Amino acid sequence: MALPDGFLDELRGRLSLAQIVARKVTWDRRKSQPGRGIWWACCPFHNEKTPSFKVDDNSGRFYCFGCQAKGDAIGFVMQTENLGFLEAVEALAREAGMTMPARDPQAAARAEARAGLFAVMEEAVRFYRLQLRTARAQKARDYLAGRGLGEEALARFEIGYAPADGQALAAALTARGIAAEDLQRAGLVSAAGNGRAPRDRFRDRIMFPIRDGQGRAIAFGGRALDPGAPAKYLNSPDTELFDKGRCLYNLHTAREAAGRAGGLIVAEGYTDVIALAQAGFEHAVAPLGTAITEEQLRLMWRIADEPVIALDGDRAGLDAARRLIDRALPLLEPGRSLRFATLPPGQDPDDLIRAGGAQAMQAVIDAAQPMIDLLWARETEDRPLDTPEQRAAFELALRKIAARIAHPALRAHYADALRARARALLRPPRPDGMRGPRRHRGTDGATPAARASALARGDLGPAALARPREAAILMGCINHPDIAAEIDHLLERVNFRNPDLEALRRTLLAALPDCLGQPDPAESLRRRIGAEGIAALAAIPAVAMHPHLRPDAPAERARLAVADALELHRAELGLDAEMREAIEVLRAGPDEIAFRRVREAAQSRNRVLERAGSAAKSATVAEDRVAADLQSWLDNQIWVRKRR
């Protein structure tokens, strides 16, 4: 089966090689450089004790300096899972959310034709660059000089000029043997008709080549020199090579720079990217004249976990940022979001850098807001909250926003955060003279309603139920620091219910980087935790009797034990968050969506409980008690409502 040209490139572009390889190896934390996308491990293809297997996530390639194994994501899956080429492609395509193309005997011919179009585009790049040096491009050179673009920038970004006569490119390239049909397929000329020659699409414009992630020219952006031109900026049309909603300007060079810088800047246009690069911000890209699309968001997240969106500080820029929030919400995942940097009103990056230097731009980037802050500002700006109806509508709008997030745990955290902000905003002022924390009533002799509320707060003993699980996570990580290093990003995002174990979790995370660099990381970690902390963990029967949490346990079994405990813990936290929100919603009356959310969270948690086995039975009993109390409370509330 011949795959269409471009399919494999898109597949590789959607995947992180480091994530794929991480399923088979344990990264060497001392040698790896995550900020640069460089990872080291012991080779999965031969036995070794010193890591010589290198993964470059930016290029998508791996190489072993010991056995000389090398390749990309497809080759890695083929070798480690004993699959054929197409089987590996199909497996990775499913993971990337891509549909395998139907078998097409003409695919090879199309691939050859597509390669020919890349060659045509390179000829056009050379033509436009040469034209910038001619006498008729004087106005273009003056404009570029006025923008501070010298010879180095012109060469680096391959900037050119499209003559105004409308036939220059077509004549030059057809004279070199390129067919007029290919010029049209590449989006360089308009269709000919009535016996007329094809007409250049770009006329009297400064030309910016657009390259794909592999550095191949696929399109152009043209900036008009005539103030009266119908469009100030004009892009190539969509072609076999180019889909503007799936591309980013400067992607091919920003990817590596982003690894060095540890982040990605998303500017508004070509000249903004160039100005940023000249000031040292080489990790900048731009969408291509349209609102940022879902595919462009995925491209950005392929490079950085939290790209910084740097938009103009005027109303249009702010509105664009707020619209982007709605597009990004369903795609958010733990550790994957956006930040928003607002430029001073009336200034673009070039203006700001000229006025205040690179440090002024850096200050704007450093002050970038998390997405939830901008979302909150959008929802509260000029919103009246004077009446109960207005406040209820406001809270409902916040719940609907959180519900758009597909990831269940992140959705719960967003709901919690927005609800907490809403409570702080809507809380009535306390009378003068009242001091101290607000007090809660006890739960002795409580009605089902009170017990359900107490369960949502965690007052009826969930800490005791969680204690064996939390201790298992800690003991597994202490005895096997490599496992702790693999999941530290997950441990940072969870809290433990037991204060003493929560303190140990924080100590473990703080000590881990230093301990990993010691000759015996486990012993070093145990010293940092302290004998008293280790003894407290070992005194818990579920930990003391677990064979896979001991220091001499096989690494894979220990890894599975810790992973199961952590997943169960995260699932239960997610269920609790869903329960809390459902109770808030149900206070206003029966709500089908709230019931469904509780049911789905419970089903998800039950799947984890089944894997956890008998150790989770007490948690199942607690869950049943929650459900029974909640149902009793609901029945009571519905009965009360009917009486009224």
Foldseek 3Di string as FASTA:
>chain_A
DDAAPPPVVVLLLLDFLVVLCVVQFFWQVVPAQQLQQKTWTCDSVDDDDDTQWIARRLVQKIAGPPPGDIDGSQVVCCVVVVDDSVVSVVVSCVVSVHDGDDDDPCRVVNNVLVVVLLVLLVVVLVVFLVQCPDPQNPLVVVVCVVLVDDPVLCVVQSKGWAAAPFCVSVVVVVVVVDDPVSCVLLQQWDDDDPPDDTGGPDHQWIWGFAAAQVRGGRWIKTAHPDPPDPDRIDIRDDHPRDDLQQGKGLNNFLLSVSSVVQEAEEFADDSLQSLCVVLPNVNYIYRDPDQHAPNNLSSRCSRHQEHEYEYEQDPVRLVSLQVVLLRCQQVDDVSHFYWYFYDPHPDGNSRQCVVPNPVSVVVSRVPTHGPLVSNVCVLPPPQDDDDPVSLVVSLVVQLVSLVSHNDLLSSLVSNVVVVVVSCVVPPDDDDPPDDDDDDDDDCVVHALLVVLLCVLVVNPDPLVLLVLLLLLLLLLCLLPVSLCVVCVSVLVPDAHPDVVSRVLSVQLSVCSVVLSPDPHSSVSSDVSSPPVNVVVSCPPVSNVPDPQSHNPHPPVSSSVSNVLSSVLRSLVVSLSSLSNVLSVVCVVPDDPVSVVSNVVSVVVNVVSVVVVPPSCVVVVVVVVVSVVSVVSVNVVVVVVVVVD
